Amino acid sequence: MTAVPEPGETTSVGIVTGAGRGMGLECARRLVGVVDRLLLVDLDEKTVAAAAEELSTDARTTVVEPHTLDITDRDGLARLAARARELGTLRAVAHAAGISPTMADWRRILTVDLVGTALLAEALRPLATRGTALVCFASMAALFGDTEPRPATEEALADPLDEHFIDRIRAAVGPDIEDPGVAYTWAKRGVQRLVRREAVRVGPAGARVCSVSPGVVATPQGRQEAEHHPSMAALVRQSALGREGRPEELAAVVAFLLSDEASFLTGVDILVDGGVRAGLTARYA
């Protein structure tokens, strides 16, 4: 049944990208009953349709809509933003869509994980108002590798929508970035930086933006990465909790960041890694 707001009330809208499975689906599940209209976004039409059907079965006050969309499609994102505006007031956005190192080459990884995030932020920025919250998925991978400050790299990451971004970041980092794992690391660092900039842009409207950096999480995508990178199992063994995360555990953190209880939290990244970083650094403490 369609939720009908009381007279004088505004219909609240939520958006979840990468909502077909894994952490995105769990984030969407958390928003059922929180917003009046929930837009599920995924590249896979069958997957997102099945997710919408599943969540609609449980939804008593939330209307769920599936949307098939490539997160790098600027025109498609404009249509998504227009739909959200048509429905009501944008309340919560969980941006979980992304690809990992075994899924594409270095250019595609940077384009989907960083440029796509910047495109989504750009499309939704005009909808930001008091109470709007956006959470973008980064990764604990951003903490690994070369972390020395590089002015040229920082300058390139500061503008992922520049038409020459891929060439600029390649020139700044060097040939190593052609390794998909290295590209993934830089893309997720870029997401963390983008969140800080976007928080300043939408803050005057009363909106908030944060990111989460998951560790090793038991999802289909995570299992695929673990099969190709045995070092991930070693990270889990050395972590404080000694286990993988569950998708619903990440979704719980995202749900808090999107809630009014986190109303003074913006422009930051929350590391949700089960203590991987703690385990790696404890020996030097």
Protein backbone atom coordinates (compact mmCIF):
# COMPACT_ATOMS: atom_id res chain seq x y z
CA MET A 1 0.00 0.00 0.00
CA THR A 2 1.31 3.44 -0.90
CA ALA A 3 2.18 5.60 2.06
CA VAL A 4 0.20 8.84 2.01
CA PRO A 5 1.73 11.65 4.08
CA GLU A 6 -0.53 13.56 6.40
CA PRO A 7 -1.59 17.07 5.28
CA GLY A 8 1.34 19.43 5.65
CA GLU A 9 3.87 16.59 5.70
CA THR A 10 6.48 16.06 2.99
CA THR A 11 7.15 12.71 1.36
CA SER A 12 10.66 11.57 2.32
CA VAL A 13 12.81 9.91 -0.33
CA GLY A 14 15.72 7.54 0.01
CA ILE A 15 18.17 6.28 -2.62
CA VAL A 16 20.46 3.27 -2.42
CA THR A 17 22.92 2.46 -5.20
CA GLY A 18 24.38 -0.99 -5.67
CA ALA A 19 21.15 -2.12 -4.05
CA GLY A 20 20.80 -5.46 -5.79
CA ARG A 21 22.84 -7.47 -3.32
CA GLY A 22 25.45 -7.42 -0.58
CA MET A 23 25.97 -4.29 1.47
CA GLY A 24 23.79 -2.18 -0.80
CA LEU A 25 20.82 -4.46 -0.32
CA GLU A 26 21.32 -4.46 3.45
CA CYS A 27 21.47 -0.66 3.46
CA ALA A 28 18.21 -0.59 1.53
CA ARG A 29 16.64 -2.96 4.02
CA ARG A 30 17.53 -0.53 6.80
CA LEU A 31 15.70 2.32 5.06
CA VAL A 32 12.42 0.44 4.70
CA GLY A 33 10.06 2.11 7.14
CA VAL A 34 12.40 5.09 7.51
CA VAL A 35 11.55 6.85 4.24
CA ASP A 36 8.25 7.00 2.35
CA ARG A 37 9.72 6.27 -1.08
CA LEU A 38 12.85 4.22 -1.65
CA LEU A 39 14.65 4.19 -5.00
CA LEU A 40 16.86 1.15 -5.55
CA VAL A 41 19.62 1.60 -8.12
CA ASP A 42 21.71 -1.14 -9.70
CA LEU A 43 23.33 -1.91 -13.04
CA ASP A 44 21.75 -5.38 -13.14
CA GLU A 45 18.05 -5.10 -14.00
CA LYS A 46 17.03 -8.55 -12.77
CA THR A 47 18.92 -8.21 -9.51
CA VAL A 48 17.49 -4.82 -8.60
CA ALA A 49 13.97 -5.89 -9.60
CA ALA A 50 14.25 -8.92 -7.31
CA ALA A 51 15.55 -6.74 -4.48
CA ALA A 52 12.65 -4.31 -4.91
CA GLU A 53 10.16 -7.19 -4.87
CA GLU A 54 11.72 -8.65 -1.72
CA LEU A 55 11.74 -5.35 0.14
CA SER A 56 8.24 -4.45 -1.02
CA THR A 57 6.97 -7.62 0.61
CA ASP A 58 8.27 -6.40 3.97
CA ALA A 59 7.42 -2.74 3.47
CA ARG A 60 4.27 -1.48 5.14
CA THR A 61 4.86 2.24 4.84
CA THR A 62 7.57 2.47 2.17
CA VAL A 63 7.05 2.28 -1.58
CA VAL A 64 10.06 0.69 -3.28
CA GLU A 65 11.05 1.44 -6.88
CA PRO A 66 13.79 -0.33 -8.87
CA HIS A 67 15.97 1.70 -11.25
CA THR A 68 18.47 0.17 -13.66
CA LEU A 69 21.35 2.60 -14.00
CA ASP A 70 25.07 2.79 -14.68
CA ILE A 71 26.40 5.11 -12.00
CA THR A 72 28.69 6.75 -14.58
CA ASP A 73 25.74 7.75 -16.79
CA ARG A 74 25.30 11.49 -16.22
CA ASP A 75 21.97 11.63 -18.06
CA GLY A 76 20.68 8.63 -16.14
CA LEU A 77 21.67 10.26 -12.86
CA ALA A 78 19.85 13.41 -13.90
CA ARG A 79 16.71 11.33 -14.44
CA LEU A 80 17.18 9.70 -11.03
CA ALA A 81 17.51 13.11 -9.36
CA ALA A 82 14.44 14.36 -11.22
CA ARG A 83 12.46 11.35 -10.01
CA ALA A 84 13.53 11.94 -6.42
CA ARG A 85 12.55 15.61 -6.67
CA GLU A 86 9.19 14.64 -8.17
CA LEU A 87 8.45 12.28 -5.29
CA GLY A 88 9.34 14.56 -2.38
CA THR A 89 12.29 15.60 -0.23
CA LEU A 90 15.59 13.76 -0.42
CA ARG A 91 16.28 12.36 3.03
CA ALA A 92 18.87 9.58 2.80
CA VAL A 93 21.33 8.29 0.20
CA ALA A 94 23.55 5.22 0.59
CA HIS A 95 25.99 5.00 -2.31
CA ALA A 96 27.29 1.43 -2.26
CA ALA A 97 27.70 0.92 -6.02
CA GLY A 98 31.25 0.17 -7.06
CA ILE A 99 33.63 -2.39 -8.48
CA SER A 100 36.71 -4.09 -7.05
CA PRO A 101 40.13 -4.88 -8.53
CA THR A 102 39.22 -8.25 -10.10
CA MET A 103 36.20 -6.82 -11.91
CA ALA A 104 37.72 -4.38 -14.40
CA ASP A 105 40.84 -2.61 -15.62
CA TRP A 106 42.35 0.38 -13.88
CA ARG A 107 40.56 3.01 -15.96
CA ARG A 108 37.14 1.50 -15.37
CA ILE A 109 37.80 1.17 -11.64
CA LEU A 110 38.69 4.84 -11.33
CA THR A 111 35.72 5.82 -13.48
CA VAL A 112 33.12 3.80 -11.57
CA ASP A 113 34.41 4.13 -8.03
CA LEU A 114 35.50 7.76 -8.01
CA VAL A 115 34.13 9.57 -11.06
CA GLY A 116 30.76 7.84 -10.60
CA THR A 117 30.64 8.97 -6.98
CA ALA A 118 31.40 12.54 -8.01
CA LEU A 119 28.70 12.40 -10.70
CA LEU A 120 26.13 11.17 -8.19
CA ALA A 121 27.05 13.92 -5.73
CA GLU A 122 26.78 16.51 -8.48
CA ALA A 123 23.36 15.24 -9.59
CA LEU A 124 21.90 15.16 -6.09
CA ARG A 125 23.47 18.37 -4.76
CA PRO A 126 20.54 20.60 -5.84
CA LEU A 127 18.21 18.37 -3.80
CA ALA A 128 20.18 18.76 -0.59
CA THR A 129 18.24 20.37 2.22
CA ARG A 130 18.09 20.32 6.00
CA GLY A 131 18.09 16.69 7.11
CA THR A 132 19.50 15.25 3.88
CA ALA A 133 22.33 12.77 4.47
CA LEU A 134 24.60 11.00 1.98
CA VAL A 135 26.95 8.12 2.81
CA CYS A 136 29.48 7.00 0.21
CA PHE A 137 31.38 3.72 0.35
CA ALA A 138 35.16 4.02 0.35
CA SER A 139 37.40 1.17 1.56
CA MET A 140 40.07 0.33 4.09
CA ALA A 141 42.26 -0.16 1.00
CA ALA A 142 42.66 3.62 1.02
CA LEU A 143 44.89 3.20 4.08
CA PHE A 144 47.38 0.91 2.34
CA GLY A 145 50.14 1.50 -0.17
CA ASP A 146 51.92 4.80 -0.71
CA THR A 147 50.39 7.35 1.66
CA GLU A 148 53.00 10.08 1.29
CA PRO A 149 51.47 13.47 0.35
CA ARG A 150 51.85 14.23 -3.34
CA PRO A 151 50.74 17.69 -4.50
CA ALA A 152 50.12 16.58 -8.09
CA THR A 153 48.06 13.59 -6.97
CA GLU A 154 46.06 15.65 -4.51
CA GLU A 155 45.35 18.19 -7.23
CA ALA A 156 44.14 15.47 -9.60
CA LEU A 157 41.94 13.82 -6.96
CA ALA A 158 40.40 17.18 -6.13
CA ASP A 159 38.59 17.27 -9.48
CA PRO A 160 37.50 13.81 -10.65
CA LEU A 161 35.00 15.39 -13.06
CA ASP A 162 37.74 17.07 -15.07
CA GLU A 163 37.58 15.67 -18.60
CA HIS A 164 41.30 14.81 -18.38
CA PHE A 165 41.11 13.27 -14.90
CA ILE A 166 42.25 9.77 -15.89
CA ASP A 167 45.30 11.14 -17.71
CA ARG A 168 46.09 13.52 -14.86
CA ILE A 169 45.96 10.87 -12.16
CA ARG A 170 48.03 8.51 -14.35
CA ALA A 171 50.68 11.22 -14.77
CA ALA A 172 50.66 12.02 -11.04
CA VAL A 173 50.87 8.46 -9.72
CA GLY A 174 52.88 6.91 -12.53
CA PRO A 175 52.61 3.52 -14.26
CA ASP A 176 51.86 1.71 -10.99
CA ILE A 177 48.27 2.96 -11.20
CA GLU A 178 47.68 0.63 -14.14
CA ASP A 179 47.56 -2.17 -11.59
CA PRO A 180 43.83 -2.54 -10.74
CA GLY A 181 44.59 -2.87 -7.04
CA VAL A 182 46.57 0.36 -7.01
CA ALA A 183 43.85 2.12 -9.01
CA TYR A 184 41.26 0.89 -6.49
CA THR A 185 43.31 2.29 -3.61
CA TRP A 186 43.56 5.72 -5.23
CA ALA A 187 39.89 5.71 -6.23
CA LYS A 188 38.83 5.08 -2.64
CA ARG A 189 41.20 7.73 -1.33
CA GLY A 190 39.53 10.03 -3.80
CA VAL A 191 36.12 9.15 -2.37
CA GLN A 192 37.29 10.06 1.12
CA ARG A 193 38.55 13.41 -0.13
CA LEU A 194 35.41 14.04 -2.16
CA VAL A 195 33.29 13.56 0.96
CA ARG A 196 35.16 16.31 2.77
CA ARG A 197 34.68 18.73 -0.10
CA GLU A 198 31.04 17.81 -0.62
CA ALA A 199 30.27 18.26 3.07
CA VAL A 200 31.41 21.88 2.79
CA ARG A 201 29.33 22.41 -0.36
CA VAL A 202 26.02 21.17 1.08
CA GLY A 203 26.57 22.12 4.71
CA PRO A 204 24.97 25.58 4.34
CA ALA A 205 21.76 23.84 3.26
CA GLY A 206 21.79 21.73 6.43
CA ALA A 207 22.80 18.53 4.61
CA ARG A 208 25.54 16.09 5.61
CA VAL A 209 27.97 13.80 3.76
CA CYS A 210 30.14 11.03 5.21
CA SER A 211 31.90 7.93 3.95
CA VAL A 212 32.44 4.46 5.35
CA SER A 213 35.52 2.34 4.70
CA PRO A 214 34.66 -1.35 5.02
CA GLY A 215 37.24 -3.97 5.77
CA VAL A 216 36.90 -7.56 4.57
CA VAL A 217 33.18 -8.26 4.37
CA ALA A 218 31.47 -11.55 3.47
CA THR A 219 29.74 -10.57 0.23
CA PRO A 220 29.88 -12.16 -3.24
CA GLN A 221 32.22 -9.38 -4.35
CA GLY A 222 34.36 -9.80 -1.24
CA ARG A 223 34.64 -13.57 -1.78
CA GLN A 224 35.72 -13.00 -5.38
CA GLU A 225 38.49 -10.69 -4.23
CA ALA A 226 39.59 -13.09 -1.50
CA GLU A 227 39.96 -15.90 -4.03
CA HIS A 228 42.42 -13.81 -6.01
CA HIS A 229 44.19 -12.19 -3.06
CA PRO A 230 45.18 -14.64 -0.27
CA SER A 231 46.60 -11.68 1.66
CA MET A 232 43.04 -10.72 2.60
CA ALA A 233 42.74 -13.84 4.77
CA ALA A 234 45.96 -12.87 6.52
CA LEU A 235 44.53 -9.42 7.25
CA VAL A 236 41.46 -11.03 8.80
CA ARG A 237 43.59 -13.33 10.97
CA GLN A 238 45.62 -10.38 12.24
CA SER A 239 42.61 -8.17 12.90
CA ALA A 240 41.37 -7.40 16.40
CA LEU A 241 38.17 -9.43 15.96
CA GLY A 242 39.72 -12.13 13.80
CA ARG A 243 36.77 -12.52 11.45
CA GLU A 244 35.13 -11.09 8.35
CA GLY A 245 32.42 -8.51 8.64
CA ARG A 246 28.79 -9.18 7.75
CA PRO A 247 26.91 -6.96 5.30
CA GLU A 248 24.30 -6.10 7.90
CA GLU A 249 27.04 -4.83 10.25
CA LEU A 250 28.14 -2.29 7.65
CA ALA A 251 24.52 -1.38 6.96
CA ALA A 252 23.98 -0.69 10.66
CA VAL A 253 26.80 1.89 10.62
CA VAL A 254 25.40 3.46 7.45
CA ALA A 255 21.93 3.59 8.98
CA PHE A 256 23.31 5.49 11.97
CA LEU A 257 25.16 7.96 9.73
CA LEU A 258 21.96 8.58 7.77
CA SER A 259 19.88 9.06 10.91
CA ASP A 260 19.13 12.26 12.80
CA GLU A 261 21.18 10.86 15.68
CA ALA A 262 24.27 11.61 13.59
CA SER A 263 23.13 15.17 12.91
CA PHE A 264 26.50 16.73 13.85
CA LEU A 265 28.61 14.24 11.91
CA THR A 266 29.77 15.26 8.43
CA GLY A 267 32.86 15.40 6.23
CA VAL A 268 34.46 12.34 7.84
CA ASP A 269 35.26 8.73 6.99
CA ILE A 270 34.29 5.93 9.35
CA LEU A 271 36.60 2.90 9.26
CA VAL A 272 34.59 -0.32 9.76
CA ASP A 273 37.26 -2.99 9.47
CA GLY A 274 36.89 -5.26 12.50
CA GLY A 275 40.20 -3.96 13.80
CA VAL A 276 42.42 -4.74 10.79
CA ARG A 277 44.26 -1.46 11.15
CA ALA A 278 44.50 -1.90 14.91
CA GLY A 279 45.95 -5.37 14.45
CA LEU A 280 48.55 -4.16 11.99
CA THR A 281 49.65 -1.18 14.08
CA ALA A 282 49.42 -2.60 17.60
CA ARG A 283 52.91 -4.05 17.41
CA TYR A 284 54.31 -0.55 16.98
CA ALA A 285 52.20 1.10 19.66
